[in-house]
Amino acid sequence: MVIGAGIIGLQVIQSVRLVEPGCRLTVLARHEQQAEAARRLGADEVLRGEDVYARVAAITGAKAYRAPMNRGMLLGGFEVIYDCVSSASTITDSLRWARAGGTVVMVGIHLEFLKVDLNPIWYQEVDLVGSHTFGREAWNGPDRHTFDLVIEHFLKGNLTDAGLITHRFALDDYRRAVAAATDKRSGAIKVAFTL
């Protein structure tokens, strides 16, 4: 599962499809333009504005347990979840949607102290790991720098930025650019300046 279908989440979708082409991939998107892009880039299922706990249980065959004092819990769930938002809410949900022994990868970054219920790490033995930017990759050949591998896959057409830059502005039109980037109702995924 990929939580968040902004520019980072959409790139994670492509990367997951590249590394595990046959996997079943579910994406949680907030805005319709993000949901459409997620489908175009290979999501099998896109969740938006619904009872996500019930949908995750149905998709994964998990058993949903409701709780009066908190969000509840799933018995079962996804093997791997990429949290591309990494807010307190999405981390809390991610840990509850991962199966016992599963992994939650924090790809997004939230630069604030977070209050998160970590109980699934202990009770379900869910691994919570961070991932940020780049390193050395050992995949289909010798170790290479992440950027070299990404550039190679862009050149081969395995990764794309087509349709992801939705708005372009001249630099002196920066006020409209910032407004479009911060209000996703504008249809923005990624806003760029043309110089």
N, C-alpha and C. Protein backbone atom coordinates (compact mmCIF):
# COMPACT_ATOMS: atom_id res chain seq x y z
N MET A 1 0.84 -1.17 0.00
CA MET A 1 0.00 0.00 0.00
C MET A 1 0.89 1.23 0.00
N VAL A 2 0.43 2.26 -0.71
CA VAL A 2 1.09 3.56 -0.70
C VAL A 2 0.08 4.56 -0.13
N ILE A 3 0.47 5.23 0.94
CA ILE A 3 -0.38 6.25 1.54
C ILE A 3 0.13 7.60 1.09
N GLY A 4 -0.73 8.32 0.37
CA GLY A 4 -0.37 9.63 -0.15
C GLY A 4 -0.04 9.54 -1.62
N ALA A 5 -0.72 10.34 -2.43
CA ALA A 5 -0.51 10.31 -3.88
C ALA A 5 -0.10 11.68 -4.39
N GLY A 6 0.70 12.38 -3.58
CA GLY A 6 1.35 13.59 -4.07
C GLY A 6 2.54 13.15 -4.92
N ILE A 7 3.42 14.05 -5.21
CA ILE A 7 4.53 13.74 -6.11
C ILE A 7 5.41 12.61 -5.56
N ILE A 8 5.63 12.58 -4.26
CA ILE A 8 6.46 11.51 -3.68
C ILE A 8 5.74 10.17 -3.79
N GLY A 9 4.48 10.14 -3.40
CA GLY A 9 3.71 8.90 -3.48
C GLY A 9 3.60 8.37 -4.90
N LEU A 10 3.43 9.27 -5.87
CA LEU A 10 3.32 8.83 -7.27
C LEU A 10 4.64 8.24 -7.77
N GLN A 11 5.75 8.79 -7.31
CA GLN A 11 7.04 8.21 -7.68
C GLN A 11 7.26 6.87 -6.98
N VAL A 12 6.77 6.74 -5.75
CA VAL A 12 6.87 5.45 -5.05
C VAL A 12 6.03 4.40 -5.79
N ILE A 13 4.85 4.77 -6.26
CA ILE A 13 4.02 3.83 -7.03
C ILE A 13 4.81 3.28 -8.21
N GLN A 14 5.45 4.18 -8.96
CA GLN A 14 6.23 3.74 -10.11
C GLN A 14 7.38 2.83 -9.70
N SER A 15 8.04 3.18 -8.61
CA SER A 15 9.18 2.38 -8.14
C SER A 15 8.74 0.99 -7.70
N VAL A 16 7.62 0.92 -6.98
CA VAL A 16 7.09 -0.38 -6.55
C VAL A 16 6.75 -1.22 -7.78
N ARG A 17 6.09 -0.61 -8.76
CA ARG A 17 5.74 -1.34 -9.99
C ARG A 17 6.99 -1.83 -10.73
N LEU A 18 8.05 -1.05 -10.70
CA LEU A 18 9.30 -1.43 -11.37
C LEU A 18 9.95 -2.62 -10.67
N VAL A 19 9.99 -2.59 -9.34
CA VAL A 19 10.68 -3.62 -8.57
C VAL A 19 9.82 -4.87 -8.40
N GLU A 20 8.52 -4.70 -8.20
CA GLU A 20 7.59 -5.82 -7.99
C GLU A 20 6.40 -5.69 -8.94
N PRO A 21 6.60 -5.92 -10.24
CA PRO A 21 5.54 -5.66 -11.22
C PRO A 21 4.25 -6.44 -10.99
N GLY A 22 4.31 -7.59 -10.37
CA GLY A 22 3.12 -8.41 -10.18
C GLY A 22 2.39 -8.20 -8.87
N CYS A 23 2.86 -7.28 -8.05
CA CYS A 23 2.22 -7.10 -6.74
C CYS A 23 0.85 -6.43 -6.89
N ARG A 24 0.01 -6.62 -5.90
CA ARG A 24 -1.28 -5.92 -5.85
C ARG A 24 -1.02 -4.62 -5.09
N LEU A 25 -1.29 -3.49 -5.71
CA LEU A 25 -0.91 -2.19 -5.18
C LEU A 25 -2.15 -1.33 -4.92
N THR A 26 -2.33 -0.97 -3.66
CA THR A 26 -3.44 -0.11 -3.23
C THR A 26 -2.85 1.24 -2.83
N VAL A 27 -3.56 2.31 -3.21
CA VAL A 27 -3.09 3.67 -2.93
C VAL A 27 -4.20 4.44 -2.23
N LEU A 28 -3.82 5.21 -1.22
CA LEU A 28 -4.75 6.11 -0.55
C LEU A 28 -4.45 7.52 -1.04
N ALA A 29 -5.43 8.14 -1.73
CA ALA A 29 -5.26 9.47 -2.31
C ALA A 29 -6.29 10.43 -1.72
N ARG A 30 -5.92 11.67 -1.56
CA ARG A 30 -6.84 12.66 -1.02
C ARG A 30 -7.64 13.36 -2.12
N HIS A 31 -6.99 13.70 -3.23
CA HIS A 31 -7.63 14.51 -4.27
C HIS A 31 -7.81 13.69 -5.55
N GLU A 32 -8.83 14.07 -6.33
CA GLU A 32 -9.16 13.30 -7.53
C GLU A 32 -8.02 13.28 -8.55
N GLN A 33 -7.32 14.40 -8.76
CA GLN A 33 -6.21 14.40 -9.72
C GLN A 33 -5.11 13.44 -9.29
N GLN A 34 -4.93 13.29 -7.97
CA GLN A 34 -3.94 12.33 -7.46
C GLN A 34 -4.42 10.90 -7.70
N ALA A 35 -5.70 10.66 -7.48
CA ALA A 35 -6.26 9.32 -7.70
C ALA A 35 -6.14 8.92 -9.17
N GLU A 36 -6.44 9.85 -10.07
CA GLU A 36 -6.31 9.57 -11.50
C GLU A 36 -4.86 9.25 -11.87
N ALA A 37 -3.92 10.04 -11.35
CA ALA A 37 -2.50 9.79 -11.64
C ALA A 37 -2.07 8.44 -11.06
N ALA A 38 -2.54 8.10 -9.87
CA ALA A 38 -2.18 6.82 -9.25
C ALA A 38 -2.67 5.66 -10.11
N ARG A 39 -3.88 5.76 -10.63
CA ARG A 39 -4.41 4.70 -11.51
C ARG A 39 -3.56 4.60 -12.78
N ARG A 40 -3.25 5.75 -13.37
CA ARG A 40 -2.46 5.78 -14.61
C ARG A 40 -1.08 5.16 -14.42
N LEU A 41 -0.51 5.32 -13.21
CA LEU A 41 0.84 4.83 -12.94
C LEU A 41 0.87 3.40 -12.40
N GLY A 42 -0.31 2.76 -12.28
CA GLY A 42 -0.29 1.34 -11.95
C GLY A 42 -0.98 0.90 -10.68
N ALA A 43 -1.68 1.79 -9.98
CA ALA A 43 -2.41 1.35 -8.79
C ALA A 43 -3.54 0.42 -9.19
N ASP A 44 -3.67 -0.69 -8.49
CA ASP A 44 -4.77 -1.61 -8.74
C ASP A 44 -6.06 -1.08 -8.12
N GLU A 45 -5.91 -0.42 -7.00
CA GLU A 45 -7.07 0.10 -6.27
C GLU A 45 -6.68 1.42 -5.65
N VAL A 46 -7.60 2.40 -5.71
CA VAL A 46 -7.37 3.71 -5.11
C VAL A 46 -8.49 3.98 -4.12
N LEU A 47 -8.12 4.29 -2.90
CA LEU A 47 -9.08 4.59 -1.84
C LEU A 47 -9.13 6.09 -1.62
N ARG A 48 -10.37 6.61 -1.46
CA ARG A 48 -10.57 8.03 -1.19
C ARG A 48 -11.81 8.22 -0.35
N GLY A 49 -11.69 8.96 0.75
CA GLY A 49 -12.82 9.44 1.52
C GLY A 49 -13.88 8.41 1.87
N GLU A 50 -13.48 7.25 2.26
CA GLU A 50 -14.43 6.21 2.63
C GLU A 50 -13.99 5.60 3.95
N ASP A 51 -14.70 4.61 4.42
CA ASP A 51 -14.28 3.90 5.64
C ASP A 51 -13.06 3.06 5.27
N VAL A 52 -11.89 3.67 5.40
CA VAL A 52 -10.66 3.03 4.92
C VAL A 52 -10.35 1.75 5.69
N TYR A 53 -10.64 1.72 6.98
CA TYR A 53 -10.39 0.49 7.75
C TYR A 53 -11.18 -0.68 7.17
N ALA A 54 -12.44 -0.45 6.85
CA ALA A 54 -13.27 -1.52 6.26
C ALA A 54 -12.76 -1.90 4.88
N ARG A 55 -12.37 -0.92 4.07
CA ARG A 55 -11.86 -1.21 2.71
C ARG A 55 -10.53 -1.97 2.77
N VAL A 56 -9.63 -1.56 3.67
CA VAL A 56 -8.36 -2.27 3.81
C VAL A 56 -8.61 -3.71 4.24
N ALA A 57 -9.54 -3.91 5.18
CA ALA A 57 -9.88 -5.27 5.61
C ALA A 57 -10.42 -6.08 4.45
N ALA A 58 -11.28 -5.49 3.63
CA ALA A 58 -11.86 -6.21 2.49
C ALA A 58 -10.79 -6.55 1.45
N ILE A 59 -9.91 -5.62 1.16
CA ILE A 59 -8.87 -5.83 0.14
C ILE A 59 -7.88 -6.90 0.58
N THR A 60 -7.50 -6.88 1.85
CA THR A 60 -6.45 -7.78 2.32
C THR A 60 -6.98 -9.06 2.96
N GLY A 61 -8.29 -9.14 3.16
CA GLY A 61 -8.85 -10.31 3.84
C GLY A 61 -8.64 -10.26 5.35
N ALA A 62 -8.33 -9.07 5.87
CA ALA A 62 -8.10 -8.91 7.31
C ALA A 62 -9.43 -8.86 8.05
N LYS A 63 -9.36 -9.05 9.34
CA LYS A 63 -10.52 -8.91 10.22
C LYS A 63 -10.41 -7.57 10.92
N ALA A 64 -11.44 -6.72 10.78
CA ALA A 64 -11.44 -5.40 11.40
C ALA A 64 -12.09 -5.49 12.77
N TYR A 65 -11.41 -4.94 13.77
CA TYR A 65 -11.94 -4.87 15.13
C TYR A 65 -12.16 -3.41 15.47
N ARG A 66 -13.37 -3.05 15.79
CA ARG A 66 -13.72 -1.69 16.19
C ARG A 66 -13.42 -1.51 17.67
N ALA A 67 -13.09 -0.28 18.06
CA ALA A 67 -12.83 0.02 19.46
C ALA A 67 -13.47 1.36 19.79
N PRO A 68 -14.17 1.44 20.91
CA PRO A 68 -14.86 2.69 21.24
C PRO A 68 -13.93 3.85 21.57
N MET A 69 -12.73 3.58 22.02
CA MET A 69 -11.83 4.64 22.46
C MET A 69 -10.72 4.98 21.47
N ASN A 70 -10.60 4.20 20.39
CA ASN A 70 -9.56 4.51 19.39
C ASN A 70 -10.01 4.05 18.01
N ARG A 71 -9.11 4.00 17.06
CA ARG A 71 -9.44 3.69 15.67
C ARG A 71 -9.76 2.24 15.42
N GLY A 72 -9.44 1.38 16.37
CA GLY A 72 -9.61 -0.03 16.14
C GLY A 72 -8.32 -0.65 15.64
N MET A 73 -8.43 -1.85 15.10
CA MET A 73 -7.24 -2.61 14.71
C MET A 73 -7.64 -3.63 13.66
N LEU A 74 -6.70 -4.00 12.81
CA LEU A 74 -6.91 -5.08 11.86
C LEU A 74 -6.08 -6.28 12.27
N LEU A 75 -6.65 -7.45 12.11
CA LEU A 75 -5.89 -8.69 12.25
C LEU A 75 -5.68 -9.17 10.82
N GLY A 76 -4.46 -9.01 10.34
CA GLY A 76 -4.15 -9.19 8.93
C GLY A 76 -3.82 -7.82 8.37
N GLY A 77 -3.72 -7.70 7.08
CA GLY A 77 -3.44 -6.40 6.46
C GLY A 77 -2.35 -6.51 5.41
N PHE A 78 -1.76 -5.39 5.08
CA PHE A 78 -0.75 -5.32 4.03
C PHE A 78 0.61 -5.80 4.54
N GLU A 79 1.38 -6.39 3.66
CA GLU A 79 2.73 -6.83 4.00
C GLU A 79 3.67 -5.63 4.12
N VAL A 80 3.54 -4.68 3.19
CA VAL A 80 4.38 -3.48 3.21
C VAL A 80 3.50 -2.27 2.95
N ILE A 81 3.73 -1.22 3.73
CA ILE A 81 3.04 0.06 3.53
C ILE A 81 4.10 1.15 3.43
N TYR A 82 3.99 1.96 2.37
CA TYR A 82 4.86 3.12 2.20
C TYR A 82 4.05 4.34 2.59
N ASP A 83 4.40 4.98 3.70
CA ASP A 83 3.69 6.16 4.16
C ASP A 83 4.41 7.38 3.60
N CYS A 84 3.84 7.98 2.57
CA CYS A 84 4.46 9.12 1.89
C CYS A 84 3.98 10.45 2.46
N VAL A 85 3.19 10.39 3.53
CA VAL A 85 2.74 11.58 4.24
C VAL A 85 3.49 11.68 5.57
N SER A 86 3.44 10.60 6.33
CA SER A 86 4.12 10.47 7.63
C SER A 86 3.68 11.51 8.65
N SER A 87 2.37 11.75 8.71
CA SER A 87 1.80 12.54 9.79
C SER A 87 1.48 11.60 10.94
N ALA A 88 1.14 12.14 12.08
CA ALA A 88 0.77 11.29 13.22
C ALA A 88 -0.40 10.38 12.85
N SER A 89 -1.36 10.92 12.13
CA SER A 89 -2.54 10.14 11.74
C SER A 89 -2.19 9.02 10.77
N THR A 90 -1.39 9.31 9.75
CA THR A 90 -1.08 8.26 8.76
C THR A 90 -0.15 7.20 9.33
N ILE A 91 0.75 7.58 10.23
CA ILE A 91 1.62 6.57 10.86
C ILE A 91 0.77 5.67 11.75
N THR A 92 -0.12 6.26 12.52
CA THR A 92 -1.01 5.48 13.38
C THR A 92 -1.82 4.49 12.55
N ASP A 93 -2.40 4.96 11.46
CA ASP A 93 -3.19 4.07 10.59
C ASP A 93 -2.30 3.02 9.93
N SER A 94 -1.14 3.43 9.42
CA SER A 94 -0.24 2.49 8.76
C SER A 94 0.11 1.31 9.66
N LEU A 95 0.43 1.60 10.90
CA LEU A 95 0.80 0.54 11.84
C LEU A 95 -0.37 -0.41 12.09
N ARG A 96 -1.59 0.07 11.99
CA ARG A 96 -2.78 -0.76 12.18
C ARG A 96 -3.19 -1.51 10.92
N TRP A 97 -2.76 -1.03 9.75
CA TRP A 97 -3.12 -1.67 8.49
C TRP A 97 -2.07 -2.68 8.03
N ALA A 98 -0.92 -2.73 8.69
CA ALA A 98 0.12 -3.71 8.35
C ALA A 98 -0.18 -5.03 9.06
N ARG A 99 0.06 -6.12 8.38
CA ARG A 99 -0.15 -7.43 8.99
C ARG A 99 0.92 -7.67 10.06
N ALA A 100 0.69 -8.65 10.91
CA ALA A 100 1.70 -9.02 11.90
C ALA A 100 2.99 -9.39 11.17
N GLY A 101 4.10 -8.81 11.60
CA GLY A 101 5.38 -9.06 10.95
C GLY A 101 5.58 -8.23 9.69
N GLY A 102 4.63 -7.35 9.37
CA GLY A 102 4.74 -6.50 8.19
C GLY A 102 5.67 -5.32 8.43
N THR A 103 5.76 -4.46 7.42
CA THR A 103 6.68 -3.32 7.48
C THR A 103 5.97 -2.05 7.06
N VAL A 104 6.20 -0.98 7.81
CA VAL A 104 5.76 0.36 7.43
C VAL A 104 7.03 1.16 7.15
N VAL A 105 7.12 1.70 5.94
CA VAL A 105 8.26 2.51 5.53
C VAL A 105 7.83 3.97 5.51
N MET A 106 8.46 4.79 6.35
CA MET A 106 8.17 6.22 6.37
C MET A 106 9.00 6.91 5.29
N VAL A 107 8.33 7.29 4.20
CA VAL A 107 8.99 7.97 3.10
C VAL A 107 8.81 9.48 3.23
N GLY A 108 7.59 9.89 3.58
CA GLY A 108 7.32 11.31 3.79
C GLY A 108 8.00 11.79 5.06
N ILE A 109 8.05 13.09 5.22
CA ILE A 109 8.69 13.64 6.40
C ILE A 109 7.81 14.75 6.96
N HIS A 110 7.66 14.74 8.26
CA HIS A 110 6.90 15.76 8.99
C HIS A 110 7.84 16.35 10.01
N LEU A 111 8.20 17.58 9.87
CA LEU A 111 9.20 18.19 10.74
C LEU A 111 8.56 18.78 12.00
N GLU A 112 7.94 17.89 12.76
CA GLU A 112 7.38 18.29 14.05
C GLU A 112 7.32 17.07 14.94
N PHE A 113 7.18 17.29 16.24
CA PHE A 113 7.01 16.17 17.15
C PHE A 113 5.65 15.56 16.92
N LEU A 114 5.60 14.23 16.89
CA LEU A 114 4.35 13.53 16.59
C LEU A 114 3.93 12.68 17.77
N LYS A 115 2.64 12.65 18.02
CA LYS A 115 2.08 11.76 19.03
C LYS A 115 1.47 10.58 18.26
N VAL A 116 2.11 9.42 18.40
CA VAL A 116 1.72 8.24 17.63
C VAL A 116 1.59 7.05 18.57
N ASP A 117 0.55 6.26 18.37
CA ASP A 117 0.38 5.03 19.14
C ASP A 117 1.22 3.94 18.49
N LEU A 118 2.28 3.53 19.16
CA LEU A 118 3.22 2.54 18.63
C LEU A 118 2.90 1.11 19.05
N ASN A 119 1.77 0.87 19.69
CA ASN A 119 1.45 -0.47 20.18
C ASN A 119 1.55 -1.57 19.12
N PRO A 120 1.14 -1.34 17.85
CA PRO A 120 1.28 -2.43 16.87
C PRO A 120 2.73 -2.89 16.65
N ILE A 121 3.70 -2.03 16.93
CA ILE A 121 5.10 -2.44 16.80
C ILE A 121 5.39 -3.57 17.79
N TRP A 122 4.85 -3.47 18.98
CA TRP A 122 5.08 -4.50 19.99
C TRP A 122 4.13 -5.68 19.81
N TYR A 123 2.82 -5.39 19.74
CA TYR A 123 1.84 -6.47 19.72
C TYR A 123 1.80 -7.25 18.42
N GLN A 124 2.06 -6.60 17.31
CA GLN A 124 2.00 -7.25 16.00
C GLN A 124 3.39 -7.45 15.39
N GLU A 125 4.42 -6.96 16.09
CA GLU A 125 5.79 -7.03 15.59
C GLU A 125 5.92 -6.41 14.20
N VAL A 126 5.30 -5.25 14.04
CA VAL A 126 5.38 -4.49 12.79
C VAL A 126 6.68 -3.69 12.81
N ASP A 127 7.43 -3.74 11.71
CA ASP A 127 8.67 -2.96 11.60
C ASP A 127 8.34 -1.56 11.08
N LEU A 128 8.86 -0.54 11.72
CA LEU A 128 8.72 0.84 11.29
C LEU A 128 10.11 1.33 10.92
N VAL A 129 10.30 1.62 9.63
CA VAL A 129 11.62 2.04 9.15
C VAL A 129 11.50 3.33 8.36
N GLY A 130 12.58 4.07 8.32
CA GLY A 130 12.61 5.32 7.57
C GLY A 130 13.36 5.15 6.26
N SER A 131 13.00 5.99 5.31
CA SER A 131 13.68 5.99 4.02
C SER A 131 13.74 7.43 3.54
N HIS A 132 14.93 7.90 3.22
CA HIS A 132 15.04 9.28 2.78
C HIS A 132 16.07 9.42 1.66
N THR A 133 15.61 9.80 0.52
CA THR A 133 16.37 10.27 -0.62
C THR A 133 17.18 9.22 -1.37
N PHE A 134 18.37 8.84 -0.93
CA PHE A 134 19.24 8.06 -1.80
C PHE A 134 20.28 7.28 -0.99
N GLY A 135 21.00 6.44 -1.71
CA GLY A 135 22.06 5.65 -1.12
C GLY A 135 22.74 4.85 -2.22
N ARG A 136 23.19 3.67 -1.88
CA ARG A 136 23.75 2.74 -2.86
C ARG A 136 22.76 1.61 -3.01
N GLU A 137 22.49 1.21 -4.23
CA GLU A 137 21.47 0.20 -4.50
C GLU A 137 22.12 -1.03 -5.13
N ALA A 138 21.75 -2.20 -4.62
CA ALA A 138 22.18 -3.47 -5.21
C ALA A 138 20.93 -4.12 -5.81
N TRP A 139 20.69 -3.83 -7.08
CA TRP A 139 19.49 -4.34 -7.73
C TRP A 139 19.80 -4.65 -9.19
N ASN A 140 19.65 -5.89 -9.58
CA ASN A 140 19.90 -6.32 -10.97
C ASN A 140 21.27 -5.90 -11.48
N GLY A 141 22.28 -6.16 -10.71
CA GLY A 141 23.63 -5.83 -11.16
C GLY A 141 24.47 -5.30 -10.03
N PRO A 142 25.56 -4.63 -10.37
CA PRO A 142 26.47 -4.12 -9.34
C PRO A 142 25.85 -2.96 -8.55
N ASP A 143 26.41 -2.73 -7.36
CA ASP A 143 25.98 -1.59 -6.55
C ASP A 143 26.14 -0.30 -7.34
N ARG A 144 25.10 0.55 -7.29
CA ARG A 144 25.17 1.85 -7.96
C ARG A 144 24.49 2.89 -7.09
N HIS A 145 24.83 4.12 -7.34
CA HIS A 145 24.18 5.23 -6.64
C HIS A 145 22.71 5.27 -7.09
N THR A 146 21.82 5.59 -6.15
CA THR A 146 20.39 5.64 -6.45
C THR A 146 20.09 6.54 -7.63
N PHE A 147 20.70 7.72 -7.68
CA PHE A 147 20.42 8.65 -8.77
C PHE A 147 20.81 8.06 -10.12
N ASP A 148 21.92 7.32 -10.20
CA ASP A 148 22.31 6.68 -11.46
C ASP A 148 21.26 5.67 -11.90
N LEU A 149 20.75 4.91 -10.95
CA LEU A 149 19.72 3.91 -11.25
C LEU A 149 18.42 4.59 -11.71
N VAL A 150 18.03 5.65 -11.03
CA VAL A 150 16.81 6.38 -11.40
C VAL A 150 16.94 6.99 -12.79
N ILE A 151 18.06 7.63 -13.07
CA ILE A 151 18.28 8.23 -14.39
C ILE A 151 18.22 7.17 -15.47
N GLU A 152 18.84 6.03 -15.22
CA GLU A 152 18.80 4.93 -16.20
C GLU A 152 17.35 4.51 -16.49
N HIS A 153 16.54 4.40 -15.45
CA HIS A 153 15.16 3.96 -15.65
C HIS A 153 14.30 5.04 -16.30
N PHE A 154 14.59 6.32 -16.06
CA PHE A 154 13.90 7.38 -16.78
C PHE A 154 14.26 7.32 -18.27
N LEU A 155 15.55 7.12 -18.59
CA LEU A 155 15.99 7.05 -19.98
C LEU A 155 15.39 5.85 -20.70
N LYS A 156 15.22 4.74 -20.00
CA LYS A 156 14.61 3.54 -20.59
C LYS A 156 13.10 3.63 -20.68
N GLY A 157 12.50 4.64 -20.04
CA GLY A 157 11.04 4.78 -20.05
C GLY A 157 10.34 3.97 -18.97
N ASN A 158 11.09 3.39 -18.05
CA ASN A 158 10.49 2.62 -16.96
C ASN A 158 9.88 3.52 -15.89
N LEU A 159 10.37 4.75 -15.79
CA LEU A 159 9.83 5.76 -14.89
C LEU A 159 9.49 6.98 -15.74
N THR A 160 8.46 7.73 -15.32
CA THR A 160 8.05 8.88 -16.11
C THR A 160 7.65 10.04 -15.22
N ASP A 161 7.77 11.23 -15.78
CA ASP A 161 7.23 12.40 -15.10
C ASP A 161 6.05 12.96 -15.89
N ALA A 162 5.63 12.26 -16.92
CA ALA A 162 4.53 12.70 -17.77
C ALA A 162 3.25 12.88 -16.95
N GLY A 163 2.67 14.06 -17.04
CA GLY A 163 1.43 14.36 -16.34
C GLY A 163 1.59 14.69 -14.87
N LEU A 164 2.81 14.64 -14.35
CA LEU A 164 3.00 14.91 -12.93
C LEU A 164 3.26 16.40 -12.65
N ILE A 165 3.86 17.10 -13.60
CA ILE A 165 4.00 18.55 -13.47
C ILE A 165 2.74 19.13 -14.11
N THR A 166 1.82 19.56 -13.27
CA THR A 166 0.50 19.98 -13.75
C THR A 166 0.39 21.48 -13.99
N HIS A 167 1.26 22.27 -13.37
CA HIS A 167 1.19 23.72 -13.49
C HIS A 167 2.60 24.26 -13.69
N ARG A 168 2.73 25.22 -14.60
CA ARG A 168 4.00 25.91 -14.83
C ARG A 168 3.74 27.41 -14.79
N PHE A 169 4.64 28.13 -14.11
CA PHE A 169 4.49 29.57 -13.97
C PHE A 169 5.82 30.26 -14.25
N ALA A 170 5.75 31.47 -14.77
CA ALA A 170 6.94 32.31 -14.87
C ALA A 170 7.35 32.68 -13.45
N LEU A 171 8.63 32.90 -13.25
CA LEU A 171 9.14 33.19 -11.92
C LEU A 171 8.49 34.43 -11.31
N ASP A 172 8.22 35.45 -12.12
CA ASP A 172 7.60 36.66 -11.56
C ASP A 172 6.11 36.46 -11.23
N ASP A 173 5.57 35.31 -11.58
CA ASP A 173 4.19 34.97 -11.23
C ASP A 173 4.17 34.01 -10.02
N TYR A 174 5.15 34.19 -9.13
CA TYR A 174 5.34 33.27 -8.01
C TYR A 174 4.15 33.22 -7.06
N ARG A 175 3.41 34.33 -6.92
CA ARG A 175 2.26 34.31 -5.99
C ARG A 175 1.21 33.30 -6.46
N ARG A 176 0.90 33.30 -7.74
CA ARG A 176 -0.07 32.33 -8.28
C ARG A 176 0.48 30.91 -8.19
N ALA A 177 1.79 30.76 -8.38
CA ALA A 177 2.42 29.44 -8.30
C ALA A 177 2.29 28.87 -6.89
N VAL A 178 2.59 29.68 -5.89
CA VAL A 178 2.49 29.22 -4.50
C VAL A 178 1.04 28.91 -4.15
N ALA A 179 0.11 29.75 -4.61
CA ALA A 179 -1.31 29.51 -4.34
C ALA A 179 -1.76 28.18 -4.95
N ALA A 180 -1.35 27.92 -6.19
CA ALA A 180 -1.73 26.66 -6.85
C ALA A 180 -1.11 25.46 -6.14
N ALA A 181 0.13 25.59 -5.71
CA ALA A 181 0.83 24.48 -5.05
C ALA A 181 0.24 24.16 -3.69
N THR A 182 -0.23 25.17 -2.97
CA THR A 182 -0.73 24.93 -1.62
C THR A 182 -2.20 24.57 -1.59
N ASP A 183 -2.95 24.84 -2.64
CA ASP A 183 -4.38 24.51 -2.70
C ASP A 183 -4.58 23.42 -3.74
N LYS A 184 -4.61 22.17 -3.29
CA LYS A 184 -4.70 21.03 -4.22
C LYS A 184 -6.03 21.01 -4.96
N ARG A 185 -7.01 21.81 -4.53
CA ARG A 185 -8.26 21.91 -5.31
C ARG A 185 -8.00 22.56 -6.65
N SER A 186 -6.82 23.15 -6.83
CA SER A 186 -6.45 23.75 -8.11
C SER A 186 -6.15 22.67 -9.15
N GLY A 187 -6.08 21.43 -8.71
CA GLY A 187 -5.71 20.34 -9.62
C GLY A 187 -4.22 20.09 -9.65
N ALA A 188 -3.46 20.77 -8.80
CA ALA A 188 -2.00 20.66 -8.82
C ALA A 188 -1.53 19.33 -8.24
N ILE A 189 -0.54 18.78 -8.91
CA ILE A 189 0.25 17.68 -8.35
C ILE A 189 1.64 18.24 -8.06
N LYS A 190 2.30 18.75 -9.10
CA LYS A 190 3.61 19.39 -8.93
C LYS A 190 3.58 20.70 -9.71
N VAL A 191 4.01 21.78 -9.07
CA VAL A 191 4.06 23.09 -9.67
C VAL A 191 5.52 23.43 -9.93
N ALA A 192 5.81 23.94 -11.13
CA ALA A 192 7.20 24.28 -11.49
C ALA A 192 7.27 25.68 -12.09
N PHE A 193 8.46 26.25 -12.00
CA PHE A 193 8.71 27.55 -12.63
C PHE A 193 9.38 27.33 -13.98
N THR A 194 9.01 28.14 -14.96
CA THR A 194 9.72 28.16 -16.24
C THR A 194 10.62 29.38 -16.22
N LEU A 195 11.89 29.15 -16.49
CA LEU A 195 12.87 30.25 -16.42
C LEU A 195 13.25 30.70 -17.81
